[in-house]
Amino acid sequence: MLRLLHTSDWHLGRTLFGRRRFDEYAAWLDWLLDTISGRRIDVLVVSGDIFDSATPGARSQELYYDFLSRLGATGCRHAVIVGGNHDSPAFLDAPGRLLRHLCIHVVGSRPENPRDMLVELGAPGGEPELLVAAIPYLRERDLRRAAEGGDAAALTTAELSGMKQLYAELGRLAESRRRALAMPELPVVFTGHLFAAGGRTLPEDGVRELYLGTLPQAGVDLFPEVADYVALGHLHLPQLVAGCEWVRYSGSPLAAGFSDAGVKRSVVEVTWDRGTRRIAAIPVPAWRRMISLRASETALEETLIQLVAAGEPVWVEVEVPAETASMTGVLTMIDRCTAGTPVEVLGCRRTLPAGEMTDGGELIEDGAQLAELTPEQVFECCLEHYRVPGEARDGLRGTYCEVLRNVLEMDEAAGGEELERRMP
């Protein structure tokens, strides 16, 4: 019997309203190690976005390497880790030779030779037990070489074509290796850090809608028939692709914000036993309660008093109606109710008509901060403010998406932690 566990999108180092979340990440990794040990997992697959930044801080690196150093003690024989769009390919690849001695295989970037992405894993007796096509996030430079100078549509088509060619080639290599081993039933797993057609996201779940709009949307036909399971990363909601049980996003283990705080998190276990494959989602617990409150000032005060009385640590996001007279009064009330308690209000805003701005381009909302807005929201507000005709907006959005995507893929040269923190 062979047991594999699939997870992705850890985003170690991500903050929320400036709050560091290392305690949650440490709890997650402890839980993951316990789960691997308790379920006797043989192979761990991590499908990208280990870090939230291409230049992770010391604490994020400590969590990562501490996890890897403890993995062997769980009984897990192998780990396969691929890079995501947040990760620095060079940073992940740097300790690759050392980690291979621990049976940890890392593919941070696309190698020149596709054969280097086909990882053969052995059973305790030495015989092959699994082939993994370890394909990381594929950047523009990996896919667009044949279409430089074309328009956005042509470039996207070229990217998708390049992606299909690569997956097909890895499929042929896997089939050839099975024939060479005379093991036609040898399980094959493919990874991917990409946007699958029909993939679901939530507002503010950490995945940028406009950014996704510039990515080639891969259909389930991208994945070769030889694949027994496809372990995907990039989208943060656990989900199947096109209803296929064997093509899945495991989703991220922690909520990126308040809008996805209620999502049920999971990792995926795949088991092969005498030619039978079983796939099951394993629930991941939440280590911090997060709630959004949308209410009048009076109702909000009553709810905060109840939360404080319960004595449970909780992070709160607050939104009050547009007609609220004074945000200063609301903030004073919040401080009076929660000061010195485990209830923390991280964000407070007033509902406004979409795109309402002053002539200076600042939000009318009292106390509003630019850091509270996503680049997409600012761009949409600008379209409203300058009264851009509807027929012109799609073209402008497309151009903006292209620029945004290029900026977000600059890796280490992109400007470090602060820029990367805003990536999907």
Protein backbone atom coordinates (compact mmCIF):
# COMPACT_ATOMS: atom_id res chain seq x y z
CA MET A 1 0.00 0.00 0.00
CA LEU A 2 1.20 3.50 -0.88
CA ARG A 3 -0.13 6.62 0.84
CA LEU A 4 0.37 10.15 -0.51
CA LEU A 5 -0.63 13.46 1.07
CA HIS A 6 -1.19 16.55 -1.09
CA THR A 7 -1.09 20.11 0.25
CA SER A 8 -0.24 23.54 -1.17
CA ASP A 9 -0.32 27.31 -0.71
CA TRP A 10 1.09 27.56 2.79
CA HIS A 11 2.13 31.20 2.27
CA LEU A 12 4.47 31.20 5.26
CA GLY A 13 4.99 34.79 6.39
CA ARG A 14 1.66 36.22 5.25
CA THR A 15 0.25 38.91 7.52
CA LEU A 16 -3.30 40.18 8.03
CA PHE A 17 -3.81 43.88 8.71
CA GLY A 18 -0.18 43.97 9.81
CA ARG A 19 -0.58 41.10 12.30
CA ARG A 20 2.01 38.38 12.03
CA ARG A 21 0.61 34.84 12.08
CA PHE A 22 3.61 32.71 12.95
CA ASP A 23 1.76 31.00 15.80
CA GLU A 24 -0.91 29.80 13.35
CA TYR A 25 1.70 28.61 10.86
CA ALA A 26 3.59 26.75 13.58
CA ALA A 27 0.35 25.06 14.69
CA TRP A 28 -0.43 24.11 11.08
CA LEU A 29 2.95 22.53 10.50
CA ASP A 30 2.78 20.65 13.82
CA TRP A 31 -0.66 19.35 12.82
CA LEU A 32 0.65 18.33 9.40
CA LEU A 33 3.51 16.35 10.92
CA ASP A 34 1.12 14.63 13.34
CA THR A 35 -1.24 13.80 10.46
CA ILE A 36 1.56 12.39 8.31
CA SER A 37 2.69 10.24 11.23
CA GLY A 38 -0.77 9.15 12.33
CA ARG A 39 -1.93 8.23 8.83
CA ARG A 40 1.40 6.60 7.93
CA ILE A 41 1.93 8.76 4.88
CA ASP A 42 4.72 7.59 2.56
CA VAL A 43 4.96 10.58 0.20
CA LEU A 44 4.22 14.28 0.79
CA VAL A 45 3.55 16.53 -2.22
CA VAL A 46 3.51 20.32 -1.79
CA SER A 47 2.21 22.11 -4.91
CA GLY A 48 3.77 25.54 -4.59
CA ASP A 49 3.57 28.82 -2.70
CA ILE A 50 5.42 27.59 0.35
CA PHE A 51 6.26 31.19 1.18
CA ASP A 52 4.26 34.37 0.78
CA SER A 53 7.32 36.27 -0.43
CA ALA A 54 10.21 35.67 -2.78
CA THR A 55 12.41 36.97 0.03
CA PRO A 56 11.05 35.17 3.11
CA GLY A 57 12.08 36.41 6.51
CA ALA A 58 14.15 34.47 9.01
CA ARG A 59 11.14 33.21 10.97
CA SER A 60 9.43 31.88 7.83
CA GLN A 61 12.59 30.08 6.78
CA GLU A 62 12.96 28.64 10.27
CA LEU A 63 9.44 27.20 10.13
CA TYR A 64 10.10 25.66 6.70
CA TYR A 65 13.43 24.04 7.50
CA ASP A 66 12.32 22.92 10.94
CA PHE A 67 9.38 21.15 9.29
CA LEU A 68 11.63 19.45 6.75
CA SER A 69 14.09 18.35 9.44
CA ARG A 70 11.28 16.72 11.44
CA LEU A 71 9.56 15.10 8.47
CA GLY A 72 11.75 11.99 8.39
CA ALA A 73 10.83 11.09 11.97
CA THR A 74 7.16 10.72 10.94
CA GLY A 75 7.93 7.71 8.76
CA CYS A 76 7.32 9.66 5.55
CA ARG A 77 9.89 8.37 3.06
CA HIS A 78 9.75 11.08 0.41
CA ALA A 79 8.65 14.66 -0.14
CA VAL A 80 8.23 16.43 -3.49
CA ILE A 81 8.02 20.23 -3.35
CA VAL A 82 7.48 22.50 -6.36
CA GLY A 83 7.69 26.27 -6.58
CA GLY A 84 4.69 28.56 -6.86
CA ASN A 85 4.33 32.08 -8.22
CA HIS A 86 5.10 33.56 -4.79
CA ASP A 87 8.25 31.52 -4.31
CA SER A 88 11.72 32.45 -5.47
CA PRO A 89 12.80 29.59 -7.76
CA ALA A 90 16.47 30.21 -6.93
CA PHE A 91 15.79 30.25 -3.18
CA LEU A 92 13.92 26.94 -3.26
CA ASP A 93 16.42 25.25 -5.57
CA ALA A 94 19.55 26.37 -3.69
CA PRO A 95 19.59 23.59 -1.01
CA GLY A 96 18.31 20.96 -3.48
CA ARG A 97 21.35 18.66 -3.39
CA LEU A 98 21.42 18.67 0.39
CA LEU A 99 17.70 18.01 0.69
CA ARG A 100 17.87 15.07 -1.73
CA HIS A 101 19.97 13.26 0.88
CA LEU A 102 16.88 13.54 3.10
CA CYS A 103 14.70 12.20 0.24
CA ILE A 104 13.19 15.66 -0.24
CA HIS A 105 12.97 16.59 -3.93
CA VAL A 106 12.56 20.29 -4.73
CA VAL A 107 11.82 21.73 -8.18
CA GLY A 108 11.66 25.50 -7.81
CA SER A 109 11.92 26.38 -11.50
CA ARG A 110 11.52 24.67 -14.83
CA PRO A 111 14.82 22.96 -15.69
CA GLU A 112 16.18 22.97 -19.23
CA ASN A 113 15.73 19.22 -19.53
CA PRO A 114 12.15 18.09 -18.81
CA ARG A 115 13.51 14.72 -17.67
CA ASP A 116 14.80 16.48 -14.57
CA MET A 117 11.17 17.06 -13.52
CA LEU A 118 10.34 13.34 -13.54
CA VAL A 119 11.09 12.13 -10.02
CA GLU A 120 11.23 8.39 -9.41
CA LEU A 121 10.54 7.39 -5.82
CA GLY A 122 11.55 4.03 -4.39
CA ALA A 123 9.92 1.68 -1.91
CA PRO A 124 11.83 0.54 1.21
CA GLY A 125 13.18 -2.42 -0.74
CA GLY A 126 14.51 -0.16 -3.48
CA GLU A 127 12.04 -0.99 -6.22
CA PRO A 128 10.20 1.96 -7.84
CA GLU A 129 6.83 2.74 -6.26
CA LEU A 130 5.83 6.13 -7.72
CA LEU A 131 6.65 8.53 -10.56
CA VAL A 132 6.06 12.24 -9.93
CA ALA A 133 6.07 14.78 -12.76
CA ALA A 134 7.13 17.67 -10.52
CA ILE A 135 6.09 20.70 -12.58
CA PRO A 136 6.41 24.07 -10.81
CA TYR A 137 4.71 27.36 -11.60
CA LEU A 138 5.50 28.16 -15.23
CA ARG A 139 6.38 31.78 -15.76
CA GLU A 140 5.97 33.77 -18.96
CA ARG A 141 9.60 33.30 -19.87
CA ASP A 142 9.06 29.52 -19.69
CA LEU A 143 6.18 29.55 -22.15
CA ARG A 144 6.11 32.58 -24.43
CA ARG A 145 9.35 32.36 -26.33
CA ALA A 146 7.66 31.62 -29.64
CA ALA A 147 5.22 34.52 -29.42
CA GLU A 148 7.26 37.57 -28.42
CA GLY A 149 5.80 40.75 -29.86
CA GLY A 150 2.26 39.43 -30.25
CA ASP A 151 -0.84 40.95 -28.70
CA ALA A 152 -2.21 39.83 -25.32
CA ALA A 153 -4.53 37.21 -26.83
CA ALA A 154 -1.75 35.71 -28.96
CA LEU A 155 0.61 35.61 -26.00
CA THR A 156 -1.93 33.88 -23.78
CA THR A 157 -2.62 31.33 -26.51
CA ALA A 158 1.12 30.73 -26.85
CA GLU A 159 1.45 30.22 -23.09
CA LEU A 160 -1.33 27.66 -23.03
CA SER A 161 0.18 25.88 -26.02
CA GLY A 162 3.58 25.79 -24.32
CA MET A 163 2.00 24.43 -21.16
CA LYS A 164 0.22 21.66 -23.09
CA GLN A 165 3.42 20.69 -24.87
CA LEU A 166 5.30 20.41 -21.59
CA TYR A 167 2.64 18.32 -19.85
CA ALA A 168 2.35 16.07 -22.91
CA GLU A 169 6.11 15.57 -22.98
CA LEU A 170 6.19 14.64 -19.28
CA GLY A 171 3.33 12.24 -19.96
CA ARG A 172 5.35 10.52 -22.70
CA LEU A 173 8.40 10.35 -20.45
CA ALA A 174 6.35 8.75 -17.65
CA GLU A 175 4.87 6.18 -20.02
CA SER A 176 8.31 5.41 -21.43
CA ARG A 177 9.74 4.91 -17.95
CA ARG A 178 6.91 2.55 -16.97
CA ARG A 179 7.61 0.47 -20.10
CA ALA A 180 11.33 0.42 -19.38
CA LEU A 181 10.63 -0.83 -15.85
CA ALA A 182 8.03 -3.30 -17.12
CA MET A 183 5.69 -1.83 -14.51
CA PRO A 184 2.58 -0.70 -16.44
CA GLU A 185 0.63 -0.14 -13.22
CA LEU A 186 3.26 2.03 -11.54
CA PRO A 187 1.32 5.08 -10.17
CA VAL A 188 2.04 8.45 -11.78
CA VAL A 189 1.33 11.81 -10.12
CA PHE A 190 1.52 15.20 -11.82
CA THR A 191 1.82 18.52 -10.03
CA GLY A 192 0.88 21.99 -11.23
CA HIS A 193 0.68 25.51 -9.90
CA LEU A 194 -1.76 27.07 -12.31
CA PHE A 195 -5.26 28.41 -12.90
CA ALA A 196 -7.61 25.67 -14.10
CA ALA A 197 -10.62 26.65 -16.18
CA GLY A 198 -13.69 27.00 -13.99
CA GLY A 199 -11.62 27.35 -10.83
CA ARG A 200 -13.43 29.06 -7.95
CA THR A 201 -12.12 31.90 -5.82
CA LEU A 202 -13.61 34.14 -3.15
CA PRO A 203 -13.30 37.92 -2.74
CA GLU A 204 -10.19 38.71 -0.71
CA ASP A 205 -9.22 35.04 -0.38
CA GLY A 206 -5.72 36.05 -1.40
CA VAL A 207 -6.06 35.20 -5.10
CA ARG A 208 -6.22 38.25 -7.32
CA GLU A 209 -9.13 38.23 -9.77
CA LEU A 210 -7.51 40.58 -12.30
CA TYR A 211 -4.23 38.72 -12.08
CA LEU A 212 -6.01 35.45 -12.76
CA GLY A 213 -7.64 37.06 -15.77
CA THR A 214 -4.22 37.25 -17.46
CA LEU A 215 -3.32 33.60 -16.85
CA PRO A 216 -4.02 30.88 -19.42
CA GLN A 217 -6.92 28.82 -18.11
CA ALA A 218 -6.02 25.17 -18.45
CA GLY A 219 -8.75 22.62 -19.07
CA VAL A 220 -8.67 19.13 -17.64
CA ASP A 221 -7.44 17.91 -21.04
CA LEU A 222 -4.07 19.47 -20.17
CA PHE A 223 -3.25 16.52 -17.94
CA PRO A 224 -2.05 13.31 -19.64
CA GLU A 225 -4.05 10.12 -19.35
CA VAL A 226 -1.10 8.43 -17.70
CA ALA A 227 -1.66 10.58 -14.59
CA ASP A 228 -3.33 8.74 -11.71
CA TYR A 229 -3.60 11.94 -9.70
CA VAL A 230 -2.94 15.65 -10.36
CA ALA A 231 -1.92 17.68 -7.30
CA LEU A 232 -2.65 21.34 -8.01
CA GLY A 233 -1.84 24.57 -6.22
CA HIS A 234 -2.53 28.30 -6.74
CA LEU A 235 -6.25 28.50 -5.96
CA HIS A 236 -7.01 28.66 -2.26
CA LEU A 237 -10.38 26.91 -2.18
CA PRO A 238 -10.28 23.09 -1.97
CA GLN A 239 -11.95 21.89 -5.19
CA LEU A 240 -12.08 19.40 -8.01
CA VAL A 241 -11.32 20.45 -11.58
CA ALA A 242 -14.23 19.84 -13.98
CA GLY A 243 -15.69 17.37 -11.49
CA CYS A 244 -12.69 15.03 -11.82
CA GLU A 245 -11.91 13.29 -8.53
CA TRP A 246 -8.29 12.78 -9.58
CA VAL A 247 -7.55 16.44 -10.46
CA ARG A 248 -7.69 18.59 -7.32
CA TYR A 249 -6.68 21.75 -5.54
CA SER A 250 -5.96 20.95 -1.92
CA GLY A 251 -6.47 24.64 -1.06
CA SER A 252 -4.55 26.73 1.44
CA PRO A 253 -4.43 25.64 5.10
CA LEU A 254 -5.11 29.13 6.55
CA ALA A 255 -7.68 31.75 5.65
CA ALA A 256 -6.10 34.65 3.78
CA GLY A 257 -8.68 37.11 5.08
CA PHE A 258 -12.08 37.49 6.64
CA SER A 259 -14.04 36.69 3.48
CA ASP A 260 -12.76 33.11 3.41
CA ALA A 261 -12.54 32.54 7.15
CA GLY A 262 -15.52 30.18 7.06
CA VAL A 263 -14.12 27.94 4.33
CA LYS A 264 -13.51 24.33 5.36
CA ARG A 265 -9.80 23.67 4.83
CA SER A 266 -8.36 20.31 3.84
CA VAL A 267 -5.44 18.27 2.61
CA VAL A 268 -5.88 15.33 0.23
CA GLU A 269 -4.87 11.74 0.88
CA VAL A 270 -4.40 9.38 -2.09
CA THR A 271 -3.98 5.68 -1.44
CA TRP A 272 -3.00 2.93 -3.88
CA ASP A 273 -3.68 -0.62 -2.69
CA ARG A 274 -3.44 -3.61 -5.02
CA GLY A 275 -4.36 -1.59 -8.08
CA THR A 276 -7.16 0.36 -6.37
CA ARG A 277 -6.88 4.12 -5.92
CA ARG A 278 -8.76 5.93 -3.17
CA ILE A 279 -8.91 9.72 -2.77
CA ALA A 280 -10.18 11.50 0.35
CA ALA A 281 -10.09 15.01 1.77
CA ILE A 282 -8.86 15.31 5.36
CA PRO A 283 -10.25 18.34 7.26
CA VAL A 284 -7.75 20.89 8.58
CA PRO A 285 -8.67 22.63 11.85
CA ALA A 286 -8.72 26.42 12.28
CA TRP A 287 -6.30 27.83 14.84
CA ARG A 288 -7.83 31.27 15.14
CA ARG A 289 -11.42 32.46 15.07
CA MET A 290 -12.07 35.26 12.57
CA ILE A 291 -15.42 36.96 12.06
CA SER A 292 -16.85 39.85 10.04
CA LEU A 293 -19.44 42.13 11.64
CA ARG A 294 -21.68 44.31 9.49
CA ALA A 295 -24.06 46.21 11.73
CA SER A 296 -25.15 49.59 13.05
CA GLU A 297 -23.09 51.19 15.79
CA THR A 298 -25.55 50.12 18.48
CA ALA A 299 -25.79 46.51 17.29
CA LEU A 300 -22.03 46.39 16.86
CA GLU A 301 -21.44 47.47 20.45
CA GLU A 302 -23.79 44.78 21.75
CA THR A 303 -22.02 42.08 19.71
CA LEU A 304 -18.57 43.17 20.83
CA ILE A 305 -19.67 43.08 24.48
CA GLN A 306 -20.89 39.50 23.96
CA LEU A 307 -17.62 38.46 22.31
CA VAL A 308 -15.58 39.96 25.15
CA ALA A 309 -17.76 38.20 27.71
CA ALA A 310 -17.10 34.86 25.99
CA GLY A 311 -13.38 35.36 26.64
CA GLU A 312 -12.28 33.66 23.41
CA PRO A 313 -9.43 35.12 21.34
CA VAL A 314 -10.90 36.38 18.09
CA TRP A 315 -9.98 38.69 15.24
CA VAL A 316 -12.80 40.91 14.01
CA GLU A 317 -13.44 42.94 10.87
CA VAL A 318 -16.09 45.66 11.18
CA GLU A 319 -18.22 47.40 8.57
CA VAL A 320 -20.82 50.01 9.49
CA PRO A 321 -23.50 51.59 7.27
CA ALA A 322 -22.68 54.56 5.04
CA GLU A 323 -25.01 56.82 7.00
CA THR A 324 -23.01 56.36 10.22
CA ALA A 325 -22.40 59.90 11.46
CA SER A 326 -18.86 59.58 12.76
CA MET A 327 -16.24 56.90 12.32
CA THR A 328 -14.31 58.52 15.14
CA GLY A 329 -17.19 57.70 17.47
CA VAL A 330 -17.28 54.11 16.22
CA LEU A 331 -13.55 53.67 16.75
CA THR A 332 -13.80 55.14 20.25
CA MET A 333 -16.60 52.71 21.09
CA ILE A 334 -14.58 49.75 19.75
CA ASP A 335 -11.58 50.71 21.85
CA ARG A 336 -13.75 51.12 24.95
CA CYS A 337 -15.30 47.65 24.47
CA THR A 338 -12.20 45.66 23.53
CA ALA A 339 -9.19 47.31 25.20
CA GLY A 340 -7.25 44.76 27.22
CA THR A 341 -9.34 41.82 25.98
CA PRO A 342 -8.57 38.94 23.58
CA VAL A 343 -11.00 40.47 21.06
CA GLU A 344 -9.05 42.44 18.44
CA VAL A 345 -10.73 44.55 15.77
CA LEU A 346 -8.24 44.54 12.91
CA GLY A 347 -10.19 46.54 10.36
CA CYS A 348 -13.03 49.06 10.49
CA ARG A 349 -14.64 50.73 7.50
CA ARG A 350 -17.84 52.39 6.45
CA THR A 351 -19.87 51.13 3.50
CA LEU A 352 -19.72 53.54 0.56
CA PRO A 353 -21.17 53.53 -2.94
CA ALA A 354 -18.73 51.73 -5.25
CA GLY A 355 -16.03 54.02 -6.58
CA GLU A 356 -17.04 57.13 -4.61
CA MET A 357 -13.97 59.36 -4.47
CA THR A 358 -12.98 62.95 -3.89
CA ASP A 359 -11.42 65.10 -6.58
CA GLY A 360 -8.08 64.31 -5.03
CA GLY A 361 -8.67 60.59 -5.53
CA GLU A 362 -9.02 59.87 -1.81
CA LEU A 363 -11.84 57.86 -0.34
CA ILE A 364 -14.52 59.94 1.38
CA GLU A 365 -14.64 57.37 4.14
CA ASP A 366 -13.28 58.71 7.45
CA GLY A 367 -9.96 57.15 8.36
CA ALA A 368 -9.73 55.09 5.17
CA GLN A 369 -6.23 53.92 4.32
CA LEU A 370 -4.88 53.12 0.89
CA ALA A 371 -3.31 49.96 2.34
CA GLU A 372 -6.83 48.64 3.00
CA LEU A 373 -7.58 48.60 -0.73
CA THR A 374 -6.37 46.15 -3.33
CA PRO A 375 -4.83 47.50 -6.54
CA GLU A 376 -7.88 46.18 -8.38
CA GLN A 377 -10.22 48.22 -6.19
CA VAL A 378 -8.17 51.37 -6.73
CA PHE A 379 -8.16 50.78 -10.48
CA GLU A 380 -11.94 50.29 -10.56
CA CYS A 381 -12.38 53.47 -8.51
CA CYS A 382 -10.26 55.34 -11.05
CA LEU A 383 -12.43 54.06 -13.89
CA GLU A 384 -15.47 55.41 -12.05
CA HIS A 385 -13.86 58.68 -11.05
CA TYR A 386 -12.75 59.53 -14.58
CA ARG A 387 -16.06 58.32 -16.01
CA VAL A 388 -14.41 55.98 -18.48
CA PRO A 389 -17.04 54.74 -20.97
CA GLY A 390 -18.12 51.15 -20.50
CA GLU A 391 -16.94 50.07 -23.94
CA ALA A 392 -13.39 51.22 -23.15
CA ARG A 393 -13.11 49.58 -19.75
CA ASP A 394 -12.49 46.01 -20.89
CA GLY A 395 -9.50 47.05 -22.95
CA LEU A 396 -8.05 49.09 -20.11
CA ARG A 397 -8.61 46.26 -17.65
CA GLY A 398 -6.79 43.86 -19.99
CA THR A 399 -3.80 46.18 -20.29
CA TYR A 400 -3.75 46.76 -16.53
CA CYS A 401 -3.90 43.00 -15.90
CA GLU A 402 -0.94 42.44 -18.19
CA VAL A 403 1.15 45.07 -16.43
CA LEU A 404 0.12 43.77 -13.00
CA ARG A 405 1.05 40.24 -13.87
CA ASN A 406 4.46 41.24 -15.20
CA VAL A 407 5.19 43.18 -12.01
CA LEU A 408 4.11 40.31 -9.80
CA GLU A 409 6.40 37.85 -11.60
CA MET A 410 9.65 39.76 -11.05
CA ASP A 411 10.77 37.34 -8.33
CA GLU A 412 13.68 38.54 -6.23
CA ALA A 413 14.12 41.70 -8.30
CA ALA A 414 10.51 42.70 -7.68
CA GLY A 415 11.29 44.63 -4.54
CA GLY A 416 11.11 42.15 -1.71
CA GLU A 417 8.67 41.36 1.05
CA GLU A 418 6.35 44.35 0.76
CA LEU A 419 5.54 43.86 -2.92
CA GLU A 420 5.27 40.09 -2.70
CA ARG A 421 2.85 40.35 0.22
CA ARG A 422 0.28 41.78 -2.19
CA MET A 423 0.53 38.91 -4.65
CA PRO A 424 -2.27 36.29 -5.09
